[in-house]
């Protein structure tokens, strides 16, 4: 999927405009790949604060992931309840941990560093409940591999500004963003686009007059903003 020069230029402008507006962000903390995998599963369809409460609750009740995977599922569900959808996330986490242990004999995921990006992504995504965003977050932030995570905010913002085709799927958007942005900008671009989506380019009524991307945004241009 080779993109025209104008799209590459637009991605560069988006990156720089957001960098000028927000500065260089820092990731909340660097976790081991297995820690990040569980944390990101907890983050699905919830807020960062709720994810963090659930993660802390889970670690307090079960100090090791081996204990989590062997635990009574009801206890795991209760521990992750702050994240919401606990009846799904609790069993999902246990299943992923058990499947990894069954295949690898260990919960250490650093072996993924020795794989190609696509093979590592495919290995993570073969586990039920691990989609492209979850896999990309683990690869980028824990393993320093060039994956670009696309969550609901990134998907919405990139669609509005015209950085991706409107009908492109979320999974396709991951690959496109990885081609449009240079690998060394992935983390900064990802985090700053998310912040824009949360604070300004919100779902229902985007605050276009406050947006640093207004001059390069298709949505704003169509509305003469």
C-alpha atoms as a PDB file:
ATOM      1  CA  UNK A   1       0.000   0.000   0.000  1.00  0.00           C
ATOM      2  CA  UNK A   2       2.094   2.887  -1.268  1.00  0.00           C
ATOM      3  CA  UNK A   3       0.681   6.305  -0.551  1.00  0.00           C
ATOM      4  CA  UNK A   4       1.020   9.413  -2.741  1.00  0.00           C
ATOM      5  CA  UNK A   5       3.398  12.141  -1.748  1.00  0.00           C
ATOM      6  CA  UNK A   6       0.556  14.488  -0.764  1.00  0.00           C
ATOM      7  CA  UNK A   7      -0.583  12.056   1.957  1.00  0.00           C
ATOM      8  CA  UNK A   8       2.956  11.680   3.259  1.00  0.00           C
ATOM      9  CA  UNK A   9       3.254  15.470   3.308  1.00  0.00           C
ATOM     10  CA  UNK A  10      -0.035  15.779   5.191  1.00  0.00           C
ATOM     11  CA  UNK A  11       1.074  13.244   7.795  1.00  0.00           C
ATOM     12  CA  UNK A  12       4.269  15.233   8.306  1.00  0.00           C
ATOM     13  CA  UNK A  13       2.246  18.437   8.759  1.00  0.00           C
ATOM     14  CA  UNK A  14      -0.116  16.757  11.212  1.00  0.00           C
ATOM     15  CA  UNK A  15       2.797  15.441  13.235  1.00  0.00           C
ATOM     16  CA  UNK A  16       4.536  18.826  13.396  1.00  0.00           C
ATOM     17  CA  UNK A  17       1.392  20.842  14.133  1.00  0.00           C
ATOM     18  CA  UNK A  18       0.488  18.575  17.026  1.00  0.00           C
ATOM     19  CA  UNK A  19       4.065  18.544  18.284  1.00  0.00           C
ATOM     20  CA  UNK A  20       4.080  22.354  18.276  1.00  0.00           C
ATOM     21  CA  UNK A  21       0.694  22.449  20.020  1.00  0.00           C
ATOM     22  CA  UNK A  22       1.114  19.719  22.635  1.00  0.00           C
ATOM     23  CA  UNK A  23       4.847  19.103  22.790  1.00  0.00           C
ATOM     24  CA  UNK A  24       6.436  15.678  23.014  1.00  0.00           C
ATOM     25  CA  UNK A  25       4.296  13.386  25.173  1.00  0.00           C
ATOM     26  CA  UNK A  26       5.528  10.644  27.452  1.00  0.00           C
ATOM     27  CA  UNK A  27       3.979   7.192  27.725  1.00  0.00           C
ATOM     28  CA  UNK A  28       2.349   6.603  31.121  1.00  0.00           C
ATOM     29  CA  UNK A  29       4.973   4.001  32.070  1.00  0.00           C
ATOM     30  CA  UNK A  30       6.986   1.273  30.424  1.00  0.00           C
ATOM     31  CA  UNK A  31       5.716  -2.179  31.334  1.00  0.00           C
ATOM     32  CA  UNK A  32       6.964  -5.619  30.417  1.00  0.00           C
ATOM     33  CA  UNK A  33       5.164  -7.036  27.364  1.00  0.00           C
ATOM     34  CA  UNK A  34       2.943  -9.349  29.408  1.00  0.00           C
ATOM     35  CA  UNK A  35       2.084  -6.544  31.854  1.00  0.00           C
ATOM     36  CA  UNK A  36       1.221  -4.263  28.947  1.00  0.00           C
ATOM     37  CA  UNK A  37      -0.846  -6.953  27.277  1.00  0.00           C
ATOM     38  CA  UNK A  38      -3.028  -7.403  30.361  1.00  0.00           C
ATOM     39  CA  UNK A  39      -3.253  -3.647  30.941  1.00  0.00           C
ATOM     40  CA  UNK A  40      -4.339  -3.030  27.371  1.00  0.00           C
ATOM     41  CA  UNK A  41      -6.997  -5.741  27.510  1.00  0.00           C
ATOM     42  CA  UNK A  42      -8.328  -3.975  30.608  1.00  0.00           C
ATOM     43  CA  UNK A  43      -8.293  -0.645  28.739  1.00  0.00           C
ATOM     44  CA  UNK A  44     -10.761  -1.812  26.101  1.00  0.00           C
ATOM     45  CA  UNK A  45     -13.966   0.273  26.168  1.00  0.00           C
ATOM     46  CA  UNK A  46     -13.090   2.140  29.341  1.00  0.00           C
ATOM     47  CA  UNK A  47     -11.184   5.153  30.623  1.00  0.00           C
ATOM     48  CA  UNK A  48      -7.517   5.236  31.547  1.00  0.00           C
ATOM     49  CA  UNK A  49      -8.436   5.833  35.188  1.00  0.00           C
ATOM     50  CA  UNK A  50     -10.745   2.803  35.281  1.00  0.00           C
ATOM     51  CA  UNK A  51      -8.105   0.675  33.579  1.00  0.00           C
ATOM     52  CA  UNK A  52      -5.498   1.710  36.124  1.00  0.00           C
ATOM     53  CA  UNK A  53      -7.813   0.955  39.061  1.00  0.00           C
ATOM     54  CA  UNK A  54      -8.588  -2.486  37.667  1.00  0.00           C
ATOM     55  CA  UNK A  55      -4.927  -3.237  36.969  1.00  0.00           C
ATOM     56  CA  UNK A  56      -3.909  -2.199  40.491  1.00  0.00           C
ATOM     57  CA  UNK A  57      -6.755  -4.251  41.967  1.00  0.00           C
ATOM     58  CA  UNK A  58      -5.738  -7.319  39.963  1.00  0.00           C
ATOM     59  CA  UNK A  59      -2.050  -7.033  40.945  1.00  0.00           C
ATOM     60  CA  UNK A  60      -2.934  -6.506  44.592  1.00  0.00           C
ATOM     61  CA  UNK A  61      -5.122  -9.590  44.737  1.00  0.00           C
ATOM     62  CA  UNK A  62      -2.818 -11.730  42.580  1.00  0.00           C
ATOM     63  CA  UNK A  63       0.852 -10.643  42.754  1.00  0.00           C
ATOM     64  CA  UNK A  64       1.876 -12.860  39.800  1.00  0.00           C
ATOM     65  CA  UNK A  65       0.301 -13.588  36.424  1.00  0.00           C
ATOM     66  CA  UNK A  66       0.700 -17.277  37.143  1.00  0.00           C
ATOM     67  CA  UNK A  67      -1.638 -16.802  40.091  1.00  0.00           C
ATOM     68  CA  UNK A  68      -4.092 -14.926  37.869  1.00  0.00           C
ATOM     69  CA  UNK A  69      -4.275 -17.670  35.275  1.00  0.00           C
ATOM     70  CA  UNK A  70      -4.786 -20.382  37.934  1.00  0.00           C
ATOM     71  CA  UNK A  71      -7.279 -18.390  40.002  1.00  0.00           C
ATOM     72  CA  UNK A  72     -10.998 -18.887  40.355  1.00  0.00           C
ATOM     73  CA  UNK A  73     -12.494 -16.935  37.452  1.00  0.00           C
ATOM     74  CA  UNK A  74     -15.084 -15.269  39.688  1.00  0.00           C
ATOM     75  CA  UNK A  75     -12.264 -13.793  41.789  1.00  0.00           C
ATOM     76  CA  UNK A  76     -10.524 -12.450  38.695  1.00  0.00           C
ATOM     77  CA  UNK A  77     -13.779 -10.916  37.484  1.00  0.00           C
ATOM     78  CA  UNK A  78     -14.256  -9.192  40.842  1.00  0.00           C
ATOM     79  CA  UNK A  79     -10.685  -7.882  40.768  1.00  0.00           C
ATOM     80  CA  UNK A  80     -11.050  -6.271  37.329  1.00  0.00           C
ATOM     81  CA  UNK A  81     -14.571  -4.947  37.874  1.00  0.00           C
ATOM     82  CA  UNK A  82     -13.434  -1.277  37.919  1.00  0.00           C
ATOM     83  CA  UNK A  83     -12.546  -1.585  34.211  1.00  0.00           C
ATOM     84  CA  UNK A  84     -16.095  -2.522  33.209  1.00  0.00           C
ATOM     85  CA  UNK A  85     -17.118  -5.561  31.143  1.00  0.00           C
ATOM     86  CA  UNK A  86     -15.437  -7.605  33.867  1.00  0.00           C
ATOM     87  CA  UNK A  87     -17.361 -10.752  32.916  1.00  0.00           C
ATOM     88  CA  UNK A  88     -15.600 -10.575  29.532  1.00  0.00           C
ATOM     89  CA  UNK A  89     -12.210  -9.187  30.505  1.00  0.00           C
ATOM     90  CA  UNK A  90     -11.558 -11.505  33.436  1.00  0.00           C
ATOM     91  CA  UNK A  91     -11.942 -14.768  31.475  1.00  0.00           C
ATOM     92  CA  UNK A  92     -10.239 -13.190  28.459  1.00  0.00           C
ATOM     93  CA  UNK A  93      -7.127 -12.373  30.493  1.00  0.00           C
ATOM     94  CA  UNK A  94      -7.039 -15.860  31.980  1.00  0.00           C
ATOM     95  CA  UNK A  95      -7.454 -17.489  28.569  1.00  0.00           C
ATOM     96  CA  UNK A  96      -4.651 -15.434  27.044  1.00  0.00           C
ATOM     97  CA  UNK A  97      -2.314 -16.197  29.948  1.00  0.00           C
ATOM     98  CA  UNK A  98      -3.130 -19.901  29.845  1.00  0.00           C
ATOM     99  CA  UNK A  99      -2.698 -20.108  26.075  1.00  0.00           C
ATOM    100  CA  UNK A 100       0.670 -18.354  26.212  1.00  0.00           C
ATOM    101  CA  UNK A 101       1.852 -20.637  29.009  1.00  0.00           C
ATOM    102  CA  UNK A 102       0.661 -23.725  27.167  1.00  0.00           C
ATOM    103  CA  UNK A 103       2.514 -22.746  24.017  1.00  0.00           C
ATOM    104  CA  UNK A 104       5.657 -21.186  25.438  1.00  0.00           C
ATOM    105  CA  UNK A 105       6.026 -22.651  28.916  1.00  0.00           C
ATOM    106  CA  UNK A 106       6.590 -19.080  30.095  1.00  0.00           C
ATOM    107  CA  UNK A 107       4.816 -15.733  30.165  1.00  0.00           C
ATOM    108  CA  UNK A 108       7.920 -13.885  28.964  1.00  0.00           C
ATOM    109  CA  UNK A 109       7.067 -12.292  25.592  1.00  0.00           C
ATOM    110  CA  UNK A 110      10.474 -10.839  24.832  1.00  0.00           C
ATOM    111  CA  UNK A 111      11.000 -13.562  22.226  1.00  0.00           C
ATOM    112  CA  UNK A 112       8.756 -11.462  19.963  1.00  0.00           C
ATOM    113  CA  UNK A 113      11.672  -9.051  19.478  1.00  0.00           C
ATOM    114  CA  UNK A 114      13.369 -11.712  17.375  1.00  0.00           C
ATOM    115  CA  UNK A 115      10.414 -11.925  14.986  1.00  0.00           C
ATOM    116  CA  UNK A 116       9.504  -9.673  12.099  1.00  0.00           C
ATOM    117  CA  UNK A 117       6.866  -7.065  12.904  1.00  0.00           C
ATOM    118  CA  UNK A 118       4.200  -8.934  10.951  1.00  0.00           C
ATOM    119  CA  UNK A 119       4.999 -12.284  12.559  1.00  0.00           C
ATOM    120  CA  UNK A 120       4.993 -10.746  16.044  1.00  0.00           C
ATOM    121  CA  UNK A 121       1.712  -8.965  15.340  1.00  0.00           C
ATOM    122  CA  UNK A 122       0.143 -12.172  14.015  1.00  0.00           C
ATOM    123  CA  UNK A 123       1.353 -14.150  17.046  1.00  0.00           C
ATOM    124  CA  UNK A 124      -0.273 -11.730  19.460  1.00  0.00           C
ATOM    125  CA  UNK A 125      -3.490 -11.451  17.477  1.00  0.00           C
ATOM    126  CA  UNK A 126      -4.051 -15.183  17.297  1.00  0.00           C
ATOM    127  CA  UNK A 127      -5.079 -15.002  20.946  1.00  0.00           C
ATOM    128  CA  UNK A 128      -8.791 -14.313  21.347  1.00  0.00           C
ATOM    129  CA  UNK A 129      -9.420 -10.808  22.616  1.00  0.00           C
ATOM    130  CA  UNK A 130      -6.149  -9.398  21.252  1.00  0.00           C
ATOM    131  CA  UNK A 131      -6.942  -7.144  18.316  1.00  0.00           C
ATOM    132  CA  UNK A 132      -4.685  -4.950  16.180  1.00  0.00           C
ATOM    133  CA  UNK A 133      -4.714  -2.031  18.624  1.00  0.00           C
ATOM    134  CA  UNK A 134      -3.789  -4.168  21.633  1.00  0.00           C
ATOM    135  CA  UNK A 135      -1.058  -5.918  19.673  1.00  0.00           C
ATOM    136  CA  UNK A 136       0.339  -2.630  18.376  1.00  0.00           C
ATOM    137  CA  UNK A 137       0.496  -1.085  21.854  1.00  0.00           C
ATOM    138  CA  UNK A 138       2.455  -4.053  23.205  1.00  0.00           C
ATOM    139  CA  UNK A 139       4.785  -4.036  20.203  1.00  0.00           C
ATOM    140  CA  UNK A 140       5.417  -0.286  20.222  1.00  0.00           C
ATOM    141  CA  UNK A 141       5.580   0.596  23.888  1.00  0.00           C
ATOM    142  CA  UNK A 142       6.973  -2.595  25.439  1.00  0.00           C
ATOM    143  CA  UNK A 143       9.056  -4.104  22.641  1.00  0.00           C
ATOM    144  CA  UNK A 144      10.117  -0.958  20.751  1.00  0.00           C
ATOM    145  CA  UNK A 145       8.870  -2.385  17.460  1.00  0.00           C
ATOM    146  CA  UNK A 146       7.460  -0.127  14.697  1.00  0.00           C
ATOM    147  CA  UNK A 147       3.705  -0.645  15.105  1.00  0.00           C
ATOM    148  CA  UNK A 148       1.200   2.231  15.047  1.00  0.00           C
ATOM    149  CA  UNK A 149      -1.807   1.696  17.352  1.00  0.00           C
ATOM    150  CA  UNK A 150      -5.153   2.987  16.059  1.00  0.00           C
ATOM    151  CA  UNK A 151      -7.839   3.388  18.706  1.00  0.00           C
ATOM    152  CA  UNK A 152     -11.239   5.072  18.355  1.00  0.00           C
ATOM    153  CA  UNK A 153      -9.741   8.554  18.729  1.00  0.00           C
ATOM    154  CA  UNK A 154      -7.007   8.001  16.153  1.00  0.00           C
ATOM    155  CA  UNK A 155      -9.510   6.441  13.769  1.00  0.00           C
ATOM    156  CA  UNK A 156     -11.955   9.337  14.145  1.00  0.00           C
ATOM    157  CA  UNK A 157      -9.362  12.100  13.846  1.00  0.00           C
ATOM    158  CA  UNK A 158      -7.542  10.621  10.855  1.00  0.00           C
ATOM    159  CA  UNK A 159     -10.868  10.172   9.083  1.00  0.00           C
ATOM    160  CA  UNK A 160     -12.023  13.724   9.713  1.00  0.00           C
ATOM    161  CA  UNK A 161      -8.819  15.382   8.649  1.00  0.00           C
ATOM    162  CA  UNK A 162      -8.629  13.204   5.529  1.00  0.00           C
ATOM    163  CA  UNK A 163      -5.518  11.257   6.386  1.00  0.00           C
ATOM    164  CA  UNK A 164      -7.295   7.985   5.611  1.00  0.00           C
ATOM    165  CA  UNK A 165     -10.219   7.014   3.345  1.00  0.00           C
ATOM    166  CA  UNK A 166     -13.579   7.298   5.110  1.00  0.00           C
ATOM    167  CA  UNK A 167     -14.542   3.656   4.592  1.00  0.00           C
ATOM    168  CA  UNK A 168     -11.171   2.186   5.519  1.00  0.00           C
ATOM    169  CA  UNK A 169     -11.411  -0.378   8.320  1.00  0.00           C
ATOM    170  CA  UNK A 170      -9.627   0.070  11.619  1.00  0.00           C
ATOM    171  CA  UNK A 171      -7.296  -2.824  10.825  1.00  0.00           C
ATOM    172  CA  UNK A 172      -6.406  -1.288   7.455  1.00  0.00           C
ATOM    173  CA  UNK A 173      -5.818   2.051   9.184  1.00  0.00           C
ATOM    174  CA  UNK A 174      -3.041   0.515  11.302  1.00  0.00           C
ATOM    175  CA  UNK A 175      -1.108  -0.402   8.173  1.00  0.00           C
ATOM    176  CA  UNK A 176      -1.756   2.947   6.513  1.00  0.00           C
ATOM    177  CA  UNK A 177      -0.540   4.959   9.510  1.00  0.00           C
ATOM    178  CA  UNK A 178       2.603   2.825   9.584  1.00  0.00           C
ATOM    179  CA  UNK A 179       3.292   3.876   6.000  1.00  0.00           C
ATOM    180  CA  UNK A 180       2.399   7.548   6.372  1.00  0.00           C
ATOM    181  CA  UNK A 181       4.383   8.311   9.534  1.00  0.00           C
ATOM    182  CA  UNK A 182       8.114   7.602   9.983  1.00  0.00           C
ATOM    183  CA  UNK A 183       8.663   4.856  12.594  1.00  0.00           C
ATOM    184  CA  UNK A 184      10.501   7.160  14.998  1.00  0.00           C
ATOM    185  CA  UNK A 185       7.387   9.362  15.198  1.00  0.00           C
ATOM    186  CA  UNK A 186       4.834   6.622  15.900  1.00  0.00           C
ATOM    187  CA  UNK A 187       4.633   7.023  19.668  1.00  0.00           C
ATOM    188  CA  UNK A 188       4.450  10.819  19.605  1.00  0.00           C
ATOM    189  CA  UNK A 189       1.954  10.902  16.733  1.00  0.00           C
ATOM    190  CA  UNK A 190      -0.232   8.232  18.336  1.00  0.00           C
ATOM    191  CA  UNK A 191      -0.352   9.921  21.748  1.00  0.00           C
ATOM    192  CA  UNK A 192      -0.871  13.456  20.417  1.00  0.00           C
ATOM    193  CA  UNK A 193      -3.650  12.399  18.048  1.00  0.00           C
ATOM    194  CA  UNK A 194      -5.372  10.630  20.937  1.00  0.00           C
ATOM    195  CA  UNK A 195      -5.107  13.764  23.063  1.00  0.00           C
ATOM    196  CA  UNK A 196      -6.567  15.861  20.259  1.00  0.00           C
ATOM    197  CA  UNK A 197      -9.429  13.376  19.919  1.00  0.00           C
ATOM    198  CA  UNK A 198     -10.188  13.521  23.625  1.00  0.00           C
ATOM    199  CA  UNK A 199      -9.912  17.271  24.104  1.00  0.00           C
ATOM    200  CA  UNK A 200     -10.809  18.946  20.801  1.00  0.00           C
ATOM    201  CA  UNK A 201     -11.788  16.601  17.964  1.00  0.00           C
ATOM    202  CA  UNK A 202     -14.463  14.990  20.112  1.00  0.00           C
ATOM    203  CA  UNK A 203     -17.036  12.649  18.661  1.00  0.00           C
ATOM    204  CA  UNK A 204     -20.242  14.691  18.649  1.00  0.00           C
ATOM    205  CA  UNK A 205     -19.287  18.355  18.446  1.00  0.00           C
ATOM    206  CA  UNK A 206     -15.632  18.878  17.543  1.00  0.00           C
ATOM    207  CA  UNK A 207     -14.181  22.163  18.750  1.00  0.00           C
ATOM    208  CA  UNK A 208     -12.785  23.074  15.351  1.00  0.00           C
ATOM    209  CA  UNK A 209     -12.016  26.715  16.128  1.00  0.00           C
ATOM    210  CA  UNK A 210      -9.547  25.548  18.785  1.00  0.00           C
ATOM    211  CA  UNK A 211      -7.942  22.866  16.643  1.00  0.00           C
ATOM    212  CA  UNK A 212      -4.298  23.161  15.558  1.00  0.00           C
ATOM    213  CA  UNK A 213      -5.075  20.968  12.520  1.00  0.00           C
ATOM    214  CA  UNK A 214      -7.849  23.173  11.155  1.00  0.00           C
ATOM    215  CA  UNK A 215      -5.840  24.377   8.167  1.00  0.00           C
ATOM    216  CA  UNK A 216      -5.116  20.821   6.992  1.00  0.00           C
ATOM    217  CA  UNK A 217      -8.463  19.279   7.947  1.00  0.00           C
ATOM    218  CA  UNK A 218     -11.022  18.169   5.346  1.00  0.00           C
ATOM    219  CA  UNK A 219     -13.850  18.341   7.900  1.00  0.00           C
ATOM    220  CA  UNK A 220     -13.078  21.977   8.738  1.00  0.00           C
ATOM    221  CA  UNK A 221     -12.578  22.899   5.068  1.00  0.00           C
ATOM    222  CA  UNK A 222     -15.945  21.436   4.076  1.00  0.00           C
ATOM    223  CA  UNK A 223     -17.600  23.616   6.708  1.00  0.00           C
ATOM    224  CA  UNK A 224     -15.607  26.751   5.823  1.00  0.00           C
ATOM    225  CA  UNK A 225     -14.163  26.912   9.329  1.00  0.00           C
END
